[in-house]
Amino acid sequence: MEAQVLGALWEAPGPVAAVWVQERLGGDLAYTTVMTILSRLHVKKAVTRERVGRSFLWQAASDEAGMAASRMHRVLDGQNDREAVLASFFTTLTPEDERLVRDLLGDAKADPKD
């Protein structure tokens, strides 16, 4: 359900009310369920909220790629041997993904602000 809520927020035109999210999910979920999911996502820092009057407007903290990167960081941060984890990960990449990583690393080295 969290993924569905995040999906709705990624499609939102900006910060939206919980009822907007509920409507985008087809209205099958109770408003309180949507609020619980949004609150849990807020604790996980996956969404932000802004108080407007007595309620909140909700927004995804980052786009889908940013969320995936954040999950990857959390997994990596929870490991004792980062080098082993990264080495194992990179050995499983497809040749296309490996090329992409090399290109991204090359771009990072070429960036003059580094």
PDB file of N, CA and C in Angstrom:
ATOM      1  N   MET A   1       0.828  -1.195   0.000  1.00  0.00           N
ATOM      2  CA  MET A   1       0.000   0.000   0.000  1.00  0.00           C
ATOM      3  C   MET A   1       0.871   1.256   0.000  1.00  0.00           C
ATOM      4  N   GLU A   2       2.031   1.179   0.672  1.00  0.00           N
ATOM      5  CA  GLU A   2       2.921   2.336   0.687  1.00  0.00           C
ATOM      6  C   GLU A   2       3.356   2.695  -0.734  1.00  0.00           C
ATOM      7  N   ALA A   3       3.646   1.693  -1.537  1.00  0.00           N
ATOM      8  CA  ALA A   3       4.065   1.938  -2.919  1.00  0.00           C
ATOM      9  C   ALA A   3       2.947   2.612  -3.714  1.00  0.00           C
ATOM     10  N   GLN A   4       1.714   2.211  -3.478  1.00  0.00           N
ATOM     11  CA  GLN A   4       0.590   2.825  -4.175  1.00  0.00           C
ATOM     12  C   GLN A   4       0.424   4.282  -3.772  1.00  0.00           C
ATOM     13  N   VAL A   5       0.577   4.559  -2.483  1.00  0.00           N
ATOM     14  CA  VAL A   5       0.460   5.935  -2.001  1.00  0.00           C
ATOM     15  C   VAL A   5       1.580   6.781  -2.591  1.00  0.00           C
ATOM     16  N   LEU A   6       2.801   6.255  -2.582  1.00  0.00           N
ATOM     17  CA  LEU A   6       3.915   6.995  -3.175  1.00  0.00           C
ATOM     18  C   LEU A   6       3.689   7.220  -4.668  1.00  0.00           C
ATOM     19  N   GLY A   7       3.164   6.220  -5.343  1.00  0.00           N
ATOM     20  CA  GLY A   7       2.853   6.369  -6.762  1.00  0.00           C
ATOM     21  C   GLY A   7       1.878   7.503  -7.010  1.00  0.00           C
ATOM     22  N   ALA A   8       0.867   7.596  -6.176  1.00  0.00           N
ATOM     23  CA  ALA A   8      -0.102   8.686  -6.313  1.00  0.00           C
ATOM     24  C   ALA A   8       0.574  10.028  -6.056  1.00  0.00           C
ATOM     25  N   LEU A   9       1.431  10.094  -5.046  1.00  0.00           N
ATOM     26  CA  LEU A   9       2.106  11.354  -4.741  1.00  0.00           C
ATOM     27  C   LEU A   9       3.066  11.766  -5.856  1.00  0.00           C
ATOM     28  N   TRP A  10       3.708  10.800  -6.510  1.00  0.00           N
ATOM     29  CA  TRP A  10       4.598  11.125  -7.622  1.00  0.00           C
ATOM     30  C   TRP A  10       3.829  11.728  -8.795  1.00  0.00           C
ATOM     31  N   GLU A  11       2.567  11.366  -8.934  1.00  0.00           N
ATOM     32  CA  GLU A  11       1.728  11.895 -10.013  1.00  0.00           C
ATOM     33  C   GLU A  11       1.036  13.202  -9.632  1.00  0.00           C
ATOM     34  N   ALA A  12       1.115  13.574  -8.373  1.00  0.00           N
ATOM     35  CA  ALA A  12       0.413  14.768  -7.894  1.00  0.00           C
ATOM     36  C   ALA A  12       1.021  16.034  -8.492  1.00  0.00           C
ATOM     37  N   PRO A  13       0.196  17.061  -8.668  1.00  0.00           N
ATOM     38  CA  PRO A  13       0.689  18.324  -9.222  1.00  0.00           C
ATOM     39  C   PRO A  13       1.525  19.137  -8.228  1.00  0.00           C
ATOM     40  N   GLY A  14       1.578  18.705  -7.000  1.00  0.00           N
ATOM     41  CA  GLY A  14       2.286  19.399  -5.925  1.00  0.00           C
ATOM     42  C   GLY A  14       1.826  18.788  -4.617  1.00  0.00           C
ATOM     43  N   PRO A  15       2.020  19.479  -3.509  1.00  0.00           N
ATOM     44  CA  PRO A  15       1.524  18.959  -2.227  1.00  0.00           C
ATOM     45  C   PRO A  15      -0.001  18.778  -2.272  1.00  0.00           C
ATOM     46  N   VAL A  16      -0.464  17.649  -1.755  1.00  0.00           N
ATOM     47  CA  VAL A  16      -1.897  17.346  -1.819  1.00  0.00           C
ATOM     48  C   VAL A  16      -2.402  16.849  -0.469  1.00  0.00           C
ATOM     49  N   ALA A  17      -3.703  16.943  -0.287  1.00  0.00           N
ATOM     50  CA  ALA A  17      -4.362  16.461   0.925  1.00  0.00           C
ATOM     51  C   ALA A  17      -4.517  14.941   0.866  1.00  0.00           C
ATOM     52  N   ALA A  18      -4.676  14.347   2.028  1.00  0.00           N
ATOM     53  CA  ALA A  18      -4.841  12.898   2.105  1.00  0.00           C
ATOM     54  C   ALA A  18      -6.069  12.437   1.325  1.00  0.00           C
ATOM     55  N   VAL A  19      -7.101  13.232   1.305  1.00  0.00           N
ATOM     56  CA  VAL A  19      -8.310  12.845   0.576  1.00  0.00           C
ATOM     57  C   VAL A  19      -8.022  12.752  -0.925  1.00  0.00           C
ATOM     58  N   TRP A  20      -7.120  13.595  -1.439  1.00  0.00           N
ATOM     59  CA  TRP A  20      -6.721  13.531  -2.850  1.00  0.00           C
ATOM     60  C   TRP A  20      -6.066  12.186  -3.124  1.00  0.00           C
ATOM     61  N   VAL A  21      -5.174  11.776  -2.218  1.00  0.00           N
ATOM     62  CA  VAL A  21      -4.507  10.475  -2.367  1.00  0.00           C
ATOM     63  C   VAL A  21      -5.543   9.364  -2.315  1.00  0.00           C
ATOM     64  N   GLN A  22      -6.459   9.444  -1.369  1.00  0.00           N
ATOM     65  CA  GLN A  22      -7.506   8.427  -1.228  1.00  0.00           C
ATOM     66  C   GLN A  22      -8.315   8.297  -2.516  1.00  0.00           C
ATOM     67  N   GLU A  23      -8.670   9.406  -3.117  1.00  0.00           N
ATOM     68  CA  GLU A  23      -9.444   9.385  -4.361  1.00  0.00           C
ATOM     69  C   GLU A  23      -8.648   8.749  -5.496  1.00  0.00           C
ATOM     70  N   ARG A  24      -7.348   9.034  -5.573  1.00  0.00           N
ATOM     71  CA  ARG A  24      -6.510   8.476  -6.637  1.00  0.00           C
ATOM     72  C   ARG A  24      -6.334   6.975  -6.490  1.00  0.00           C
ATOM     73  N   LEU A  25      -6.480   6.473  -5.284  1.00  0.00           N
ATOM     74  CA  LEU A  25      -6.360   5.039  -5.048  1.00  0.00           C
ATOM     75  C   LEU A  25      -7.687   4.323  -5.235  1.00  0.00           C
ATOM     76  N   GLY A  26      -8.660   5.017  -5.738  1.00  0.00           N
ATOM     77  CA  GLY A  26      -9.946   4.400  -6.042  1.00  0.00           C
ATOM     78  C   GLY A  26     -10.956   4.504  -4.926  1.00  0.00           C
ATOM     79  N   GLY A  27     -10.593   5.111  -3.812  1.00  0.00           N
ATOM     80  CA  GLY A  27     -11.535   5.291  -2.719  1.00  0.00           C
ATOM     81  C   GLY A  27     -11.837   4.037  -1.930  1.00  0.00           C
ATOM     82  N   ASP A  28     -11.184   2.904  -2.255  1.00  0.00           N
ATOM     83  CA  ASP A  28     -11.460   1.662  -1.531  1.00  0.00           C
ATOM     84  C   ASP A  28     -10.865   1.666  -0.122  1.00  0.00           C
ATOM     85  N   LEU A  29      -9.807   2.448   0.082  1.00  0.00           N
ATOM     86  CA  LEU A  29      -9.194   2.522   1.397  1.00  0.00           C
ATOM     87  C   LEU A  29      -9.887   3.594   2.231  1.00  0.00           C
ATOM     88  N   ALA A  30     -10.048   3.317   3.505  1.00  0.00           N
ATOM     89  CA  ALA A  30     -10.627   4.310   4.402  1.00  0.00           C
ATOM     90  C   ALA A  30      -9.660   5.482   4.542  1.00  0.00           C
ATOM     91  N   TYR A  31     -10.204   6.645   4.802  1.00  0.00           N
ATOM     92  CA  TYR A  31      -9.389   7.843   4.979  1.00  0.00           C
ATOM     93  C   TYR A  31      -8.370   7.619   6.090  1.00  0.00           C
ATOM     94  N   THR A  32      -8.774   6.985   7.173  1.00  0.00           N
ATOM     95  CA  THR A  32      -7.859   6.746   8.299  1.00  0.00           C
ATOM     96  C   THR A  32      -6.712   5.826   7.895  1.00  0.00           C
ATOM     97  N   THR A  33      -6.981   4.886   7.004  1.00  0.00           N
ATOM     98  CA  THR A  33      -5.920   3.997   6.508  1.00  0.00           C
ATOM     99  C   THR A  33      -4.916   4.788   5.683  1.00  0.00           C
ATOM    100  N   VAL A  34      -5.408   5.665   4.826  1.00  0.00           N
ATOM    101  CA  VAL A  34      -4.517   6.505   4.017  1.00  0.00           C
ATOM    102  C   VAL A  34      -3.674   7.384   4.934  1.00  0.00           C
ATOM    103  N   MET A  35      -4.275   7.950   5.968  1.00  0.00           N
ATOM    104  CA  MET A  35      -3.532   8.782   6.920  1.00  0.00           C
ATOM    105  C   MET A  35      -2.468   7.971   7.658  1.00  0.00           C
ATOM    106  N   THR A  36      -2.790   6.746   8.020  1.00  0.00           N
ATOM    107  CA  THR A  36      -1.809   5.887   8.689  1.00  0.00           C
ATOM    108  C   THR A  36      -0.628   5.604   7.767  1.00  0.00           C
ATOM    109  N   ILE A  37      -0.910   5.295   6.515  1.00  0.00           N
ATOM    110  CA  ILE A  37       0.158   5.021   5.545  1.00  0.00           C
ATOM    111  C   ILE A  37       1.013   6.267   5.347  1.00  0.00           C
ATOM    112  N   LEU A  38       0.387   7.420   5.174  1.00  0.00           N
ATOM    113  CA  LEU A  38       1.128   8.664   5.003  1.00  0.00           C
ATOM    114  C   LEU A  38       1.991   8.961   6.236  1.00  0.00           C
ATOM    115  N   SER A  39       1.451   8.736   7.402  1.00  0.00           N
ATOM    116  CA  SER A  39       2.213   8.980   8.641  1.00  0.00           C
ATOM    117  C   SER A  39       3.411   8.052   8.742  1.00  0.00           C
ATOM    118  N   ARG A  40       3.234   6.809   8.380  1.00  0.00           N
ATOM    119  CA  ARG A  40       4.354   5.857   8.401  1.00  0.00           C
ATOM    120  C   ARG A  40       5.416   6.247   7.376  1.00  0.00           C
ATOM    121  N   LEU A  41       4.993   6.681   6.207  1.00  0.00           N
ATOM    122  CA  LEU A  41       5.935   7.140   5.191  1.00  0.00           C
ATOM    123  C   LEU A  41       6.672   8.393   5.658  1.00  0.00           C
ATOM    124  N   HIS A  42       5.992   9.229   6.422  1.00  0.00           N
ATOM    125  CA  HIS A  42       6.632  10.430   6.966  1.00  0.00           C
ATOM    126  C   HIS A  42       7.718  10.051   7.967  1.00  0.00           C
ATOM    127  N   VAL A  43       7.445   9.090   8.821  1.00  0.00           N
ATOM    128  CA  VAL A  43       8.449   8.614   9.781  1.00  0.00           C
ATOM    129  C   VAL A  43       9.664   8.053   9.038  1.00  0.00           C
ATOM    130  N   LYS A  44       9.429   7.393   7.915  1.00  0.00           N
ATOM    131  CA  LYS A  44      10.510   6.826   7.098  1.00  0.00           C
ATOM    132  C   LYS A  44      11.186   7.877   6.225  1.00  0.00           C
ATOM    133  N   LYS A  45      10.708   9.128   6.311  1.00  0.00           N
ATOM    134  CA  LYS A  45      11.232  10.246   5.519  1.00  0.00           C
ATOM    135  C   LYS A  45      11.019  10.067   4.017  1.00  0.00           C
ATOM    136  N   ALA A  46      10.007   9.297   3.661  1.00  0.00           N
ATOM    137  CA  ALA A  46       9.670   9.090   2.255  1.00  0.00           C
ATOM    138  C   ALA A  46       8.730  10.176   1.742  1.00  0.00           C
ATOM    139  N   VAL A  47       8.036  10.845   2.668  1.00  0.00           N
ATOM    140  CA  VAL A  47       7.146  11.944   2.304  1.00  0.00           C
ATOM    141  C   VAL A  47       7.388  13.111   3.248  1.00  0.00           C
ATOM    142  N   THR A  48       7.015  14.285   2.778  1.00  0.00           N
ATOM    143  CA  THR A  48       7.050  15.474   3.625  1.00  0.00           C
ATOM    144  C   THR A  48       5.616  15.948   3.790  1.00  0.00           C
ATOM    145  N   ARG A  49       5.415  16.739   4.828  1.00  0.00           N
ATOM    146  CA  ARG A  49       4.077  17.290   5.047  1.00  0.00           C
ATOM    147  C   ARG A  49       4.206  18.731   5.497  1.00  0.00           C
ATOM    148  N   GLU A  50       3.170  19.489   5.157  1.00  0.00           N
ATOM    149  CA  GLU A  50       3.112  20.905   5.503  1.00  0.00           C
ATOM    150  C   GLU A  50       1.740  21.168   6.097  1.00  0.00           C
ATOM    151  N   ARG A  51       1.725  21.741   7.286  1.00  0.00           N
ATOM    152  CA  ARG A  51       0.441  22.025   7.923  1.00  0.00           C
ATOM    153  C   ARG A  51      -0.231  23.202   7.226  1.00  0.00           C
ATOM    154  N   VAL A  52      -1.485  22.996   6.875  1.00  0.00           N
ATOM    155  CA  VAL A  52      -2.322  24.037   6.295  1.00  0.00           C
ATOM    156  C   VAL A  52      -3.632  23.998   7.055  1.00  0.00           C
ATOM    157  N   GLY A  53      -3.846  25.005   7.879  1.00  0.00           N
ATOM    158  CA  GLY A  53      -5.031  24.989   8.736  1.00  0.00           C
ATOM    159  C   GLY A  53      -4.921  23.858   9.744  1.00  0.00           C
ATOM    160  N   ARG A  54      -5.937  23.008   9.774  1.00  0.00           N
ATOM    161  CA  ARG A  54      -5.940  21.902  10.719  1.00  0.00           C
ATOM    162  C   ARG A  54      -5.480  20.587  10.091  1.00  0.00           C
ATOM    163  N   SER A  55      -5.105  20.615   8.829  1.00  0.00           N
ATOM    164  CA  SER A  55      -4.697  19.375   8.166  1.00  0.00           C
ATOM    165  C   SER A  55      -3.309  19.540   7.542  1.00  0.00           C
ATOM    166  N   PHE A  56      -2.867  18.509   6.854  1.00  0.00           N
ATOM    167  CA  PHE A  56      -1.567  18.517   6.215  1.00  0.00           C
ATOM    168  C   PHE A  56      -1.705  18.367   4.709  1.00  0.00           C
ATOM    169  N   LEU A  57      -0.742  18.926   3.995  1.00  0.00           N
ATOM    170  CA  LEU A  57      -0.561  18.634   2.582  1.00  0.00           C
ATOM    171  C   LEU A  57       0.682  17.759   2.487  1.00  0.00           C
ATOM    172  N   TRP A  58       0.598  16.720   1.693  1.00  0.00           N
ATOM    173  CA  TRP A  58       1.637  15.701   1.615  1.00  0.00           C
ATOM    174  C   TRP A  58       2.322  15.737   0.254  1.00  0.00           C
ATOM    175  N   GLN A  59       3.615  15.377   0.254  1.00  0.00           N
ATOM    176  CA  GLN A  59       4.376  15.343  -0.986  1.00  0.00           C
ATOM    177  C   GLN A  59       5.469  14.285  -0.848  1.00  0.00           C
ATOM    178  N   ALA A  60       5.756  13.596  -1.940  1.00  0.00           N
ATOM    179  CA  ALA A  60       6.858  12.631  -1.925  1.00  0.00           C
ATOM    180  C   ALA A  60       8.161  13.389  -1.676  1.00  0.00           C
ATOM    181  N   ALA A  61       9.038  12.820  -0.865  1.00  0.00           N
ATOM    182  CA  ALA A  61      10.297  13.479  -0.529  1.00  0.00           C
ATOM    183  C   ALA A  61      11.254  13.497  -1.719  1.00  0.00           C
ATOM    184  N   SER A  62      11.131  12.520  -2.601  1.00  0.00           N
ATOM    185  CA  SER A  62      11.946  12.495  -3.810  1.00  0.00           C
ATOM    186  C   SER A  62      11.219  11.677  -4.873  1.00  0.00           C
ATOM    187  N   ASP A  63      11.806  11.638  -6.059  1.00  0.00           N
ATOM    188  CA  ASP A  63      11.182  10.863  -7.131  1.00  0.00           C
ATOM    189  C   ASP A  63      11.479   9.371  -6.926  1.00  0.00           C
ATOM    190  N   GLU A  64      10.973   8.569  -7.829  1.00  0.00           N
ATOM    191  CA  GLU A  64      11.099   7.118  -7.697  1.00  0.00           C
ATOM    192  C   GLU A  64      12.563   6.674  -7.679  1.00  0.00           C
ATOM    193  N   ALA A  65      13.379   7.259  -8.522  1.00  0.00           N
ATOM    194  CA  ALA A  65      14.804   6.900  -8.557  1.00  0.00           C
ATOM    195  C   ALA A  65      15.485   7.287  -7.244  1.00  0.00           C
ATOM    196  N   GLY A  66      15.143   8.439  -6.722  1.00  0.00           N
ATOM    197  CA  GLY A  66      15.709   8.874  -5.447  1.00  0.00           C
ATOM    198  C   GLY A  66      15.322   7.961  -4.302  1.00  0.00           C
ATOM    199  N   MET A  67      14.080   7.487  -4.322  1.00  0.00           N
ATOM    200  CA  MET A  67      13.626   6.564  -3.274  1.00  0.00           C
ATOM    201  C   MET A  67      14.374   5.241  -3.360  1.00  0.00           C
ATOM    202  N   ALA A  68      14.577   4.734  -4.570  1.00  0.00           N
ATOM    203  CA  ALA A  68      15.321   3.482  -4.739  1.00  0.00           C
ATOM    204  C   ALA A  68      16.753   3.654  -4.251  1.00  0.00           C
ATOM    205  N   ALA A  69      17.362   4.787  -4.581  1.00  0.00           N
ATOM    206  CA  ALA A  69      18.733   5.056  -4.124  1.00  0.00           C
ATOM    207  C   ALA A  69      18.796   5.127  -2.603  1.00  0.00           C
ATOM    208  N   SER A  70      17.800   5.724  -1.999  1.00  0.00           N
ATOM    209  CA  SER A  70      17.745   5.816  -0.537  1.00  0.00           C
ATOM    210  C   SER A  70      17.645   4.436   0.100  1.00  0.00           C
ATOM    211  N   ARG A  71      16.818   3.563  -0.488  1.00  0.00           N
ATOM    212  CA  ARG A  71      16.708   2.186   0.032  1.00  0.00           C
ATOM    213  C   ARG A  71      18.038   1.461  -0.093  1.00  0.00           C
ATOM    214  N   MET A  72      18.722   1.668  -1.216  1.00  0.00           N
ATOM    215  CA  MET A  72      20.017   1.028  -1.429  1.00  0.00           C
ATOM    216  C   MET A  72      21.026   1.512  -0.379  1.00  0.00           C
ATOM    217  N   HIS A  73      21.004   2.800  -0.082  1.00  0.00           N
ATOM    218  CA  HIS A  73      21.897   3.348   0.944  1.00  0.00           C
ATOM    219  C   HIS A  73      21.609   2.739   2.310  1.00  0.00           C
ATOM    220  N   ARG A  74      20.332   2.609   2.660  1.00  0.00           N
ATOM    221  CA  ARG A  74      19.970   2.034   3.965  1.00  0.00           C
ATOM    222  C   ARG A  74      20.467   0.610   4.086  1.00  0.00           C
ATOM    223  N   VAL A  75      20.314  -0.169   3.018  1.00  0.00           N
ATOM    224  CA  VAL A  75      20.790  -1.553   3.037  1.00  0.00           C
ATOM    225  C   VAL A  75      22.307  -1.572   3.189  1.00  0.00           C
ATOM    226  N   LEU A  76      22.988  -0.770   2.417  1.00  0.00           N
ATOM    227  CA  LEU A  76      24.441  -0.719   2.477  1.00  0.00           C
ATOM    228  C   LEU A  76      24.928  -0.248   3.845  1.00  0.00           C
ATOM    229  N   ASP A  77      24.270   0.744   4.407  1.00  0.00           N
ATOM    230  CA  ASP A  77      24.656   1.264   5.724  1.00  0.00           C
ATOM    231  C   ASP A  77      24.482   0.232   6.832  1.00  0.00           C
ATOM    232  N   GLY A  78      23.612  -0.732   6.616  1.00  0.00           N
ATOM    233  CA  GLY A  78      23.367  -1.755   7.627  1.00  0.00           C
ATOM    234  C   GLY A  78      24.344  -2.924   7.565  1.00  0.00           C
ATOM    235  N   GLN A  79      25.307  -2.879   6.669  1.00  0.00           N
ATOM    236  CA  GLN A  79      26.247  -3.988   6.493  1.00  0.00           C
ATOM    237  C   GLN A  79      27.601  -3.659   7.116  1.00  0.00           C
ATOM    238  N   ASN A  80      28.261  -4.683   7.642  1.00  0.00           N
ATOM    239  CA  ASN A  80      29.583  -4.492   8.248  1.00  0.00           C
ATOM    240  C   ASN A  80      30.678  -4.327   7.209  1.00  0.00           C
ATOM    241  N   ASP A  81      30.583  -5.045   6.103  1.00  0.00           N
ATOM    242  CA  ASP A  81      31.642  -5.034   5.095  1.00  0.00           C
ATOM    243  C   ASP A  81      31.101  -4.422   3.799  1.00  0.00           C
ATOM    244  N   ARG A  82      31.139  -3.107   3.733  1.00  0.00           N
ATOM    245  CA  ARG A  82      30.604  -2.384   2.575  1.00  0.00           C
ATOM    246  C   ARG A  82      31.300  -2.811   1.285  1.00  0.00           C
ATOM    247  N   GLU A  83      32.621  -2.999   1.366  1.00  0.00           N
ATOM    248  CA  GLU A  83      33.384  -3.372   0.178  1.00  0.00           C
ATOM    249  C   GLU A  83      32.905  -4.699  -0.394  1.00  0.00           C
ATOM    250  N   ALA A  84      32.671  -5.675   0.488  1.00  0.00           N
ATOM    251  CA  ALA A  84      32.203  -6.987   0.031  1.00  0.00           C
ATOM    252  C   ALA A  84      30.813  -6.887  -0.589  1.00  0.00           C
ATOM    253  N   VAL A  85      29.957  -6.099   0.021  1.00  0.00           N
ATOM    254  CA  VAL A  85      28.600  -5.934  -0.502  1.00  0.00           C
ATOM    255  C   VAL A  85      28.644  -5.282  -1.878  1.00  0.00           C
ATOM    256  N   LEU A  86      29.408  -4.202  -1.996  1.00  0.00           N
ATOM    257  CA  LEU A  86      29.508  -3.519  -3.291  1.00  0.00           C
ATOM    258  C   LEU A  86      30.147  -4.418  -4.350  1.00  0.00           C
ATOM    259  N   ALA A  87      31.192  -5.141  -3.962  1.00  0.00           N
ATOM    260  CA  ALA A  87      31.851  -6.040  -4.914  1.00  0.00           C
ATOM    261  C   ALA A  87      30.879  -7.111  -5.394  1.00  0.00           C
ATOM    262  N   SER A  88      30.116  -7.662  -4.462  1.00  0.00           N
ATOM    263  CA  SER A  88      29.140  -8.691  -4.829  1.00  0.00           C
ATOM    264  C   SER A  88      28.062  -8.114  -5.741  1.00  0.00           C
ATOM    265  N   PHE A  89      27.617  -6.914  -5.434  1.00  0.00           N
ATOM    266  CA  PHE A  89      26.594  -6.271  -6.251  1.00  0.00           C
ATOM    267  C   PHE A  89      27.097  -6.036  -7.670  1.00  0.00           C
ATOM    268  N   PHE A  90      28.285  -5.467  -7.777  1.00  0.00           N
ATOM    269  CA  PHE A  90      28.798  -5.118  -9.104  1.00  0.00           C
ATOM    270  C   PHE A  90      29.085  -6.344  -9.962  1.00  0.00           C
ATOM    271  N   THR A  91      29.401  -7.476  -9.343  1.00  0.00           N
ATOM    272  CA  THR A  91      29.652  -8.680 -10.144  1.00  0.00           C
ATOM    273  C   THR A  91      28.371  -9.252 -10.736  1.00  0.00           C
ATOM    274  N   THR A  92      27.218  -8.794 -10.251  1.00  0.00           N
ATOM    275  CA  THR A  92      25.944  -9.300 -10.769  1.00  0.00           C
ATOM    276  C   THR A  92      25.322  -8.386 -11.823  1.00  0.00           C
ATOM    277  N   LEU A  93      25.978  -7.252 -12.114  1.00  0.00           N
ATOM    278  CA  LEU A  93      25.424  -6.318 -13.091  1.00  0.00           C
ATOM    279  C   LEU A  93      25.492  -6.886 -14.505  1.00  0.00           C
ATOM    280  N   THR A  94      24.518  -6.527 -15.295  1.00  0.00           N
ATOM    281  CA  THR A  94      24.555  -6.868 -16.714  1.00  0.00           C
ATOM    282  C   THR A  94      25.639  -6.011 -17.374  1.00  0.00           C
ATOM    283  N   PRO A  95      26.123  -6.415 -18.526  1.00  0.00           N
ATOM    284  CA  PRO A  95      27.124  -5.586 -19.217  1.00  0.00           C
ATOM    285  C   PRO A  95      26.620  -4.152 -19.477  1.00  0.00           C
ATOM    286  N   GLU A  96      25.335  -4.011 -19.771  1.00  0.00           N
ATOM    287  CA  GLU A  96      24.776  -2.681 -20.016  1.00  0.00           C
ATOM    288  C   GLU A  96      24.801  -1.839 -18.748  1.00  0.00           C
ATOM    289  N   ASP A  97      24.419  -2.444 -17.605  1.00  0.00           N
ATOM    290  CA  ASP A  97      24.442  -1.713 -16.342  1.00  0.00           C
ATOM    291  C   ASP A  97      25.871  -1.375 -15.935  1.00  0.00           C
ATOM    292  N   GLU A  98      26.794  -2.295 -16.171  1.00  0.00           N
ATOM    293  CA  GLU A  98      28.195  -2.032 -15.853  1.00  0.00           C
ATOM    294  C   GLU A  98      28.717  -0.839 -16.652  1.00  0.00           C
ATOM    295  N   ARG A  99      28.368  -0.791 -17.944  1.00  0.00           N
ATOM    296  CA  ARG A  99      28.764   0.333 -18.788  1.00  0.00           C
ATOM    297  C   ARG A  99      28.180   1.649 -18.253  1.00  0.00           C
ATOM    298  N   LEU A 100      26.930   1.584 -17.840  1.00  0.00           N
ATOM    299  CA  LEU A 100      26.274   2.776 -17.304  1.00  0.00           C
ATOM    300  C   LEU A 100      26.984   3.265 -16.039  1.00  0.00           C
ATOM    301  N   VAL A 101      27.328   2.342 -15.137  1.00  0.00           N
ATOM    302  CA  VAL A 101      28.038   2.722 -13.915  1.00  0.00           C
ATOM    303  C   VAL A 101      29.385   3.344 -14.260  1.00  0.00           C
ATOM    304  N   ARG A 102      30.101   2.741 -15.191  1.00  0.00           N
ATOM    305  CA  ARG A 102      31.398   3.297 -15.599  1.00  0.00           C
ATOM    306  C   ARG A 102      31.233   4.701 -16.175  1.00  0.00           C
ATOM    307  N   ASP A 103      30.203   4.890 -16.995  1.00  0.00           N
ATOM    308  CA  ASP A 103      29.948   6.216 -17.568  1.00  0.00           C
ATOM    309  C   ASP A 103      29.625   7.233 -16.477  1.00  0.00           C
ATOM    310  N   LEU A 104      28.789   6.834 -15.521  1.00  0.00           N
ATOM    311  CA  LEU A 104      28.428   7.738 -14.427  1.00  0.00           C
ATOM    312  C   LEU A 104      29.644   8.093 -13.584  1.00  0.00           C
ATOM    313  N   LEU A 105      30.486   7.109 -13.302  1.00  0.00           N
ATOM    314  CA  LEU A 105      31.699   7.380 -12.530  1.00  0.00           C
ATOM    315  C   LEU A 105      32.648   8.267 -13.320  1.00  0.00           C
ATOM    316  N   GLY A 106      32.735   8.060 -14.615  1.00  0.00           N
ATOM    317  CA  GLY A 106      33.564   8.920 -15.465  1.00  0.00           C
ATOM    318  C   GLY A 106      33.060  10.352 -15.464  1.00  0.00           C
ATOM    319  N   ASP A 107      31.731  10.511 -15.516  1.00  0.00           N
ATOM    320  CA  ASP A 107      31.144  11.850 -15.468  1.00  0.00           C
ATOM    321  C   ASP A 107      31.437  12.520 -14.129  1.00  0.00           C
ATOM    322  N   ALA A 108      31.390  11.744 -13.048  1.00  0.00           N
ATOM    323  CA  ALA A 108      31.653  12.296 -11.718  1.00  0.00           C
ATOM    324  C   ALA A 108      33.107  12.759 -11.611  1.00  0.00           C
ATOM    325  N   LYS A 109      34.038  12.005 -12.182  1.00  0.00           N
ATOM    326  CA  LYS A 109      35.447  12.412 -12.161  1.00  0.00           C
ATOM    327  C   LYS A 109      35.681  13.668 -12.969  1.00  0.00           C
ATOM    328  N   ALA A 110      34.926  13.832 -14.049  1.00  0.00           N
ATOM    329  CA  ALA A 110      35.100  14.989 -14.934  1.00  0.00           C
ATOM    330  C   ALA A 110      34.437  16.249 -14.403  1.00  0.00           C
ATOM    331  N   ASP A 111      33.605  16.117 -13.375  1.00  0.00           N
ATOM    332  CA  ASP A 111      32.890  17.263 -12.826  1.00  0.00           C
ATOM    333  C   ASP A 111      33.871  18.211 -12.135  1.00  0.00           C
ATOM    334  N   PRO A 112      33.976  19.464 -12.599  1.00  0.00           N
ATOM    335  CA  PRO A 112      34.982  20.385 -12.071  1.00  0.00           C
ATOM    336  C   PRO A 112      34.763  20.781 -10.609  1.00  0.00           C
ATOM    337  N   LYS A 113      33.576  20.628 -10.056  1.00  0.00           N
ATOM    338  CA  LYS A 113      33.344  21.024  -8.662  1.00  0.00           C
ATOM    339  C   LYS A 113      33.882  20.009  -7.672  1.00  0.00           C
ATOM    340  N   ASP A 114      34.294  18.827  -8.144  1.00  0.00           N
ATOM    341  CA  ASP A 114      34.830  17.803  -7.236  1.00  0.00           C
ATOM    342  C   ASP A 114      36.310  17.972  -7.012  1.00  0.00           C
TER     343      ASP A 114
END
